Amino acid sequence: MTDTADLTDERELLTAAYRDFNARNLEGVLARLHPEVDWANGMEGGHVHGRDGVRDYWTRQWAIIDPHVDPINIEPDEKGRLIVEVHQVVRDLKGNVLLDKTVHHAYRFADGLIKRMDIE
């Protein structure tokens, strides 16, 4: 992030990505990811790599759980990342709540796209 305009653009990019994720608009989210993205795998650990890795990961995830994530706050940190405070509700496929908590996602960007996501 080099200036206020970049920060605004990155916040808008993240807000739209969360909106598309919750709507299960997979292609919409993937279009916002760098082709060589590293994405935290919250189910199995580690990271998945590239848009195809993220597609496969979310396809597996959505087949067994129904996660919904709402960004509450987006702020830069001292490492040059954007930290998103997220209210996360995970349900089973019958609608039963499995998890309801606040988590933090950390993002890095390249070429105007999301390059890396970590779960803090």
N, C-alpha and C. Protein backbone atom coordinates (compact mmCIF):
# COMPACT_ATOMS: atom_id res chain seq x y z
N MET A 1 0.85 -1.17 0.00
CA MET A 1 0.00 0.00 0.00
C MET A 1 0.89 1.23 0.00
N THR A 2 0.65 2.08 -0.97
CA THR A 2 1.51 3.25 -1.06
C THR A 2 0.78 4.54 -0.76
N ASP A 3 -0.50 4.57 -0.93
CA ASP A 3 -1.22 5.81 -0.64
C ASP A 3 -2.67 5.52 -0.28
N THR A 4 -3.38 6.59 0.03
CA THR A 4 -4.78 6.46 0.45
C THR A 4 -5.65 5.85 -0.63
N ALA A 5 -5.39 6.19 -1.90
CA ALA A 5 -6.18 5.62 -3.00
C ALA A 5 -6.00 4.11 -3.07
N ASP A 6 -4.75 3.63 -2.90
CA ASP A 6 -4.51 2.18 -2.91
C ASP A 6 -5.25 1.51 -1.76
N LEU A 7 -5.20 2.12 -0.58
CA LEU A 7 -5.88 1.57 0.59
C LEU A 7 -7.38 1.50 0.36
N THR A 8 -7.96 2.54 -0.21
CA THR A 8 -9.39 2.54 -0.52
C THR A 8 -9.72 1.45 -1.53
N ASP A 9 -8.92 1.33 -2.58
CA ASP A 9 -9.15 0.30 -3.60
C ASP A 9 -9.06 -1.10 -3.00
N GLU A 10 -8.08 -1.32 -2.15
CA GLU A 10 -7.91 -2.63 -1.54
C GLU A 10 -9.06 -2.96 -0.58
N ARG A 11 -9.52 -1.98 0.16
CA ARG A 11 -10.68 -2.20 1.04
C ARG A 11 -11.91 -2.56 0.21
N GLU A 12 -12.13 -1.84 -0.88
CA GLU A 12 -13.28 -2.13 -1.75
C GLU A 12 -13.16 -3.53 -2.37
N LEU A 13 -11.95 -3.90 -2.76
CA LEU A 13 -11.70 -5.22 -3.32
C LEU A 13 -12.06 -6.30 -2.31
N LEU A 14 -11.62 -6.13 -1.07
CA LEU A 14 -11.92 -7.11 -0.02
C LEU A 14 -13.41 -7.17 0.29
N THR A 15 -14.05 -6.02 0.41
CA THR A 15 -15.48 -5.99 0.71
C THR A 15 -16.26 -6.73 -0.38
N ALA A 16 -15.91 -6.50 -1.63
CA ALA A 16 -16.58 -7.19 -2.74
C ALA A 16 -16.29 -8.68 -2.72
N ALA A 17 -15.06 -9.05 -2.37
CA ALA A 17 -14.71 -10.47 -2.31
C ALA A 17 -15.53 -11.19 -1.24
N TYR A 18 -15.67 -10.58 -0.06
CA TYR A 18 -16.50 -11.19 0.99
C TYR A 18 -17.96 -11.30 0.55
N ARG A 19 -18.45 -10.27 -0.09
CA ARG A 19 -19.84 -10.30 -0.58
C ARG A 19 -20.03 -11.45 -1.57
N ASP A 20 -19.09 -11.59 -2.52
CA ASP A 20 -19.20 -12.66 -3.50
C ASP A 20 -19.02 -14.04 -2.86
N PHE A 21 -18.12 -14.15 -1.89
CA PHE A 21 -17.96 -15.43 -1.19
C PHE A 21 -19.27 -15.84 -0.53
N ASN A 22 -19.91 -14.92 0.17
CA ASN A 22 -21.16 -15.24 0.87
C ASN A 22 -22.29 -15.57 -0.11
N ALA A 23 -22.24 -15.01 -1.31
CA ALA A 23 -23.25 -15.30 -2.34
C ALA A 23 -22.89 -16.55 -3.14
N ARG A 24 -21.74 -17.16 -2.81
CA ARG A 24 -21.22 -18.34 -3.52
C ARG A 24 -20.96 -18.01 -5.00
N ASN A 25 -20.58 -16.77 -5.26
CA ASN A 25 -20.16 -16.33 -6.59
C ASN A 25 -18.66 -16.61 -6.70
N LEU A 26 -18.34 -17.86 -6.91
CA LEU A 26 -16.95 -18.31 -6.91
C LEU A 26 -16.12 -17.57 -7.95
N GLU A 27 -16.62 -17.46 -9.16
CA GLU A 27 -15.85 -16.80 -10.22
C GLU A 27 -15.62 -15.33 -9.90
N GLY A 28 -16.57 -14.69 -9.23
CA GLY A 28 -16.40 -13.29 -8.83
C GLY A 28 -15.26 -13.13 -7.85
N VAL A 29 -15.15 -14.03 -6.88
CA VAL A 29 -14.06 -13.96 -5.92
C VAL A 29 -12.74 -14.29 -6.61
N LEU A 30 -12.73 -15.35 -7.39
CA LEU A 30 -11.48 -15.76 -8.04
C LEU A 30 -10.91 -14.66 -8.93
N ALA A 31 -11.77 -13.87 -9.54
CA ALA A 31 -11.30 -12.77 -10.40
C ALA A 31 -10.55 -11.71 -9.60
N ARG A 32 -10.76 -11.67 -8.30
CA ARG A 32 -10.09 -10.70 -7.44
C ARG A 32 -8.78 -11.24 -6.84
N LEU A 33 -8.47 -12.49 -7.15
CA LEU A 33 -7.27 -13.13 -6.63
C LEU A 33 -6.16 -13.11 -7.67
N HIS A 34 -4.95 -12.88 -7.22
CA HIS A 34 -3.78 -12.96 -8.08
C HIS A 34 -3.66 -14.39 -8.60
N PRO A 35 -3.24 -14.59 -9.84
CA PRO A 35 -3.12 -15.96 -10.36
C PRO A 35 -2.24 -16.87 -9.49
N GLU A 36 -1.28 -16.29 -8.77
CA GLU A 36 -0.39 -17.08 -7.92
C GLU A 36 -0.70 -16.87 -6.44
N VAL A 37 -1.95 -16.69 -6.12
CA VAL A 37 -2.38 -16.44 -4.74
C VAL A 37 -2.00 -17.59 -3.81
N ASP A 38 -1.69 -17.24 -2.57
CA ASP A 38 -1.54 -18.21 -1.48
C ASP A 38 -2.67 -17.93 -0.51
N TRP A 39 -3.52 -18.93 -0.27
CA TRP A 39 -4.74 -18.75 0.51
C TRP A 39 -4.73 -19.72 1.68
N ALA A 40 -4.97 -19.21 2.88
CA ALA A 40 -5.00 -20.07 4.07
C ALA A 40 -6.10 -21.12 3.96
N ASN A 41 -5.74 -22.34 4.27
CA ASN A 41 -6.69 -23.45 4.28
C ASN A 41 -7.13 -23.64 5.73
N GLY A 42 -8.26 -23.04 6.08
CA GLY A 42 -8.76 -23.08 7.44
C GLY A 42 -9.28 -24.44 7.88
N MET A 43 -9.56 -25.32 6.94
CA MET A 43 -10.09 -26.64 7.30
C MET A 43 -8.99 -27.66 7.55
N GLU A 44 -7.98 -27.66 6.68
CA GLU A 44 -6.98 -28.72 6.71
C GLU A 44 -5.59 -28.22 7.10
N GLY A 45 -5.43 -26.92 7.21
CA GLY A 45 -4.13 -26.34 7.55
C GLY A 45 -3.32 -26.01 6.31
N GLY A 46 -2.30 -25.20 6.51
CA GLY A 46 -1.43 -24.81 5.40
C GLY A 46 -2.10 -23.80 4.49
N HIS A 47 -1.66 -23.77 3.25
CA HIS A 47 -2.21 -22.86 2.25
C HIS A 47 -2.51 -23.64 0.98
N VAL A 48 -3.47 -23.14 0.22
CA VAL A 48 -3.69 -23.62 -1.14
C VAL A 48 -3.11 -22.57 -2.07
N HIS A 49 -2.71 -22.98 -3.27
CA HIS A 49 -1.97 -22.10 -4.16
C HIS A 49 -2.70 -21.94 -5.50
N GLY A 50 -2.72 -20.72 -5.96
CA GLY A 50 -3.31 -20.41 -7.26
C GLY A 50 -4.84 -20.41 -7.21
N ARG A 51 -5.42 -19.83 -8.24
CA ARG A 51 -6.88 -19.76 -8.32
C ARG A 51 -7.53 -21.14 -8.35
N ASP A 52 -6.90 -22.08 -9.06
CA ASP A 52 -7.47 -23.44 -9.11
C ASP A 52 -7.42 -24.10 -7.74
N GLY A 53 -6.36 -23.85 -6.98
CA GLY A 53 -6.27 -24.39 -5.62
C GLY A 53 -7.37 -23.84 -4.73
N VAL A 54 -7.64 -22.53 -4.84
CA VAL A 54 -8.71 -21.91 -4.06
C VAL A 54 -10.06 -22.45 -4.50
N ARG A 55 -10.28 -22.58 -5.80
CA ARG A 55 -11.54 -23.14 -6.32
C ARG A 55 -11.79 -24.53 -5.75
N ASP A 56 -10.77 -25.39 -5.80
CA ASP A 56 -10.91 -26.76 -5.30
C ASP A 56 -11.19 -26.76 -3.79
N TYR A 57 -10.47 -25.93 -3.06
CA TYR A 57 -10.64 -25.84 -1.61
C TYR A 57 -12.07 -25.41 -1.26
N TRP A 58 -12.56 -24.34 -1.86
CA TRP A 58 -13.91 -23.88 -1.53
C TRP A 58 -14.97 -24.86 -2.00
N THR A 59 -14.75 -25.52 -3.12
CA THR A 59 -15.71 -26.52 -3.59
C THR A 59 -15.83 -27.65 -2.57
N ARG A 60 -14.68 -28.12 -2.05
CA ARG A 60 -14.70 -29.15 -1.00
C ARG A 60 -15.38 -28.63 0.26
N GLN A 61 -15.03 -27.41 0.66
CA GLN A 61 -15.58 -26.81 1.88
C GLN A 61 -17.09 -26.68 1.79
N TRP A 62 -17.58 -26.12 0.70
CA TRP A 62 -19.02 -25.86 0.57
C TRP A 62 -19.82 -27.15 0.43
N ALA A 63 -19.17 -28.25 0.12
CA ALA A 63 -19.87 -29.54 0.04
C ALA A 63 -20.16 -30.11 1.42
N ILE A 64 -19.46 -29.60 2.48
CA ILE A 64 -19.66 -30.17 3.81
C ILE A 64 -20.10 -29.14 4.86
N ILE A 65 -19.83 -27.84 4.63
CA ILE A 65 -20.25 -26.81 5.57
C ILE A 65 -20.73 -25.58 4.81
N ASP A 66 -21.40 -24.70 5.53
CA ASP A 66 -21.94 -23.47 4.95
C ASP A 66 -21.39 -22.28 5.74
N PRO A 67 -20.19 -21.77 5.34
CA PRO A 67 -19.61 -20.64 6.06
C PRO A 67 -20.15 -19.31 5.55
N HIS A 68 -20.26 -18.35 6.45
CA HIS A 68 -20.66 -16.98 6.11
C HIS A 68 -19.73 -16.05 6.89
N VAL A 69 -19.11 -15.11 6.18
CA VAL A 69 -18.14 -14.22 6.80
C VAL A 69 -18.48 -12.76 6.48
N ASP A 70 -18.66 -11.97 7.52
CA ASP A 70 -18.97 -10.56 7.35
C ASP A 70 -17.82 -9.72 7.89
N PRO A 71 -17.20 -8.90 7.02
CA PRO A 71 -16.15 -8.01 7.52
C PRO A 71 -16.72 -6.95 8.44
N ILE A 72 -16.07 -6.76 9.57
CA ILE A 72 -16.49 -5.75 10.55
C ILE A 72 -15.61 -4.52 10.45
N ASN A 73 -14.31 -4.75 10.28
CA ASN A 73 -13.35 -3.66 10.26
C ASN A 73 -12.17 -4.06 9.38
N ILE A 74 -11.62 -3.11 8.64
CA ILE A 74 -10.46 -3.35 7.79
C ILE A 74 -9.44 -2.25 8.06
N GLU A 75 -8.27 -2.65 8.57
CA GLU A 75 -7.24 -1.68 8.93
C GLU A 75 -5.87 -2.19 8.53
N PRO A 76 -4.97 -1.30 8.14
CA PRO A 76 -3.59 -1.72 7.84
C PRO A 76 -2.84 -2.05 9.13
N ASP A 77 -1.84 -2.92 9.02
CA ASP A 77 -0.98 -3.20 10.17
C ASP A 77 0.44 -2.72 9.87
N GLU A 78 1.32 -2.90 10.84
CA GLU A 78 2.69 -2.42 10.71
C GLU A 78 3.51 -3.22 9.71
N LYS A 79 2.99 -4.36 9.24
CA LYS A 79 3.71 -5.20 8.28
C LYS A 79 3.30 -4.92 6.83
N GLY A 80 2.42 -3.93 6.63
CA GLY A 80 1.97 -3.60 5.29
C GLY A 80 0.81 -4.45 4.79
N ARG A 81 0.18 -5.17 5.70
CA ARG A 81 -0.98 -6.00 5.34
C ARG A 81 -2.26 -5.25 5.70
N LEU A 82 -3.37 -5.69 5.14
CA LEU A 82 -4.67 -5.25 5.63
C LEU A 82 -5.22 -6.36 6.50
N ILE A 83 -5.65 -6.00 7.70
CA ILE A 83 -6.23 -6.96 8.64
C ILE A 83 -7.74 -6.74 8.64
N VAL A 84 -8.47 -7.82 8.37
CA VAL A 84 -9.93 -7.75 8.35
C VAL A 84 -10.46 -8.50 9.57
N GLU A 85 -11.15 -7.77 10.43
CA GLU A 85 -11.87 -8.39 11.53
C GLU A 85 -13.18 -8.91 10.95
N VAL A 86 -13.42 -10.20 11.13
CA VAL A 86 -14.54 -10.88 10.46
C VAL A 86 -15.42 -11.59 11.47
N HIS A 87 -16.74 -11.40 11.33
CA HIS A 87 -17.69 -12.23 12.09
C HIS A 87 -17.97 -13.45 11.23
N GLN A 88 -17.61 -14.61 11.74
CA GLN A 88 -17.72 -15.86 11.00
C GLN A 88 -18.76 -16.75 11.64
N VAL A 89 -19.72 -17.19 10.83
CA VAL A 89 -20.71 -18.17 11.27
C VAL A 89 -20.62 -19.35 10.31
N VAL A 90 -20.37 -20.52 10.87
CA VAL A 90 -20.28 -21.74 10.08
C VAL A 90 -21.43 -22.65 10.49
N ARG A 91 -22.18 -23.08 9.50
CA ARG A 91 -23.31 -23.99 9.73
C ARG A 91 -23.06 -25.31 9.02
N ASP A 92 -23.70 -26.35 9.53
CA ASP A 92 -23.67 -27.60 8.76
C ASP A 92 -24.70 -27.44 7.64
N LEU A 93 -24.81 -28.42 6.79
CA LEU A 93 -25.69 -28.29 5.63
C LEU A 93 -27.17 -28.36 5.99
N LYS A 94 -27.47 -28.68 7.25
CA LYS A 94 -28.86 -28.66 7.73
C LYS A 94 -29.21 -27.33 8.37
N GLY A 95 -28.21 -26.42 8.49
CA GLY A 95 -28.45 -25.10 9.06
C GLY A 95 -28.09 -24.96 10.52
N ASN A 96 -27.58 -26.01 11.14
CA ASN A 96 -27.17 -25.94 12.55
C ASN A 96 -25.85 -25.17 12.68
N VAL A 97 -25.79 -24.26 13.63
CA VAL A 97 -24.58 -23.47 13.83
C VAL A 97 -23.49 -24.34 14.47
N LEU A 98 -22.35 -24.40 13.80
CA LEU A 98 -21.19 -25.14 14.30
C LEU A 98 -20.18 -24.21 14.96
N LEU A 99 -20.13 -22.96 14.48
CA LEU A 99 -19.14 -22.00 14.94
C LEU A 99 -19.70 -20.60 14.74
N ASP A 100 -19.53 -19.75 15.73
CA ASP A 100 -19.94 -18.35 15.64
C ASP A 100 -18.92 -17.55 16.43
N LYS A 101 -17.99 -16.90 15.70
CA LYS A 101 -16.92 -16.19 16.39
C LYS A 101 -16.33 -15.11 15.50
N THR A 102 -15.49 -14.30 16.09
CA THR A 102 -14.74 -13.28 15.37
C THR A 102 -13.34 -13.81 15.09
N VAL A 103 -12.90 -13.65 13.85
CA VAL A 103 -11.56 -14.05 13.45
C VAL A 103 -10.91 -12.88 12.71
N HIS A 104 -9.61 -12.99 12.48
CA HIS A 104 -8.89 -11.95 11.75
C HIS A 104 -8.20 -12.58 10.55
N HIS A 105 -8.42 -11.97 9.39
CA HIS A 105 -7.78 -12.38 8.15
C HIS A 105 -6.77 -11.31 7.77
N ALA A 106 -5.57 -11.72 7.36
CA ALA A 106 -4.52 -10.79 6.97
C ALA A 106 -4.26 -10.94 5.47
N TYR A 107 -4.25 -9.81 4.76
CA TYR A 107 -4.12 -9.82 3.30
C TYR A 107 -2.91 -9.04 2.83
N ARG A 108 -2.32 -9.56 1.77
CA ARG A 108 -1.29 -8.86 1.00
C ARG A 108 -1.78 -8.78 -0.45
N PHE A 109 -1.30 -7.78 -1.17
CA PHE A 109 -1.77 -7.52 -2.53
C PHE A 109 -0.60 -7.42 -3.49
N ALA A 110 -0.87 -7.74 -4.76
CA ALA A 110 0.09 -7.54 -5.85
C ALA A 110 -0.71 -7.28 -7.12
N ASP A 111 -0.27 -6.34 -7.90
CA ASP A 111 -0.92 -6.04 -9.19
C ASP A 111 -2.40 -5.73 -9.02
N GLY A 112 -2.79 -5.12 -7.90
CA GLY A 112 -4.18 -4.75 -7.67
C GLY A 112 -5.09 -5.91 -7.30
N LEU A 113 -4.50 -7.07 -6.98
CA LEU A 113 -5.27 -8.27 -6.65
C LEU A 113 -4.79 -8.83 -5.31
N ILE A 114 -5.61 -9.71 -4.72
CA ILE A 114 -5.24 -10.37 -3.46
C ILE A 114 -4.16 -11.40 -3.75
N LYS A 115 -3.02 -11.25 -3.11
CA LYS A 115 -1.88 -12.15 -3.35
C LYS A 115 -1.74 -13.21 -2.25
N ARG A 116 -2.13 -12.86 -1.01
CA ARG A 116 -2.00 -13.82 0.08
C ARG A 116 -3.04 -13.52 1.15
N MET A 117 -3.61 -14.59 1.71
CA MET A 117 -4.53 -14.47 2.84
C MET A 117 -4.06 -15.44 3.91
N ASP A 118 -3.94 -14.90 5.14
CA ASP A 118 -3.60 -15.72 6.30
C ASP A 118 -4.68 -15.52 7.34
N ILE A 119 -4.91 -16.56 8.14
CA ILE A 119 -5.82 -16.47 9.28
C ILE A 119 -4.97 -16.22 10.51
N GLU A 120 -5.28 -15.14 11.22
CA GLU A 120 -4.48 -14.75 12.39
C GLU A 120 -5.06 -15.39 13.63
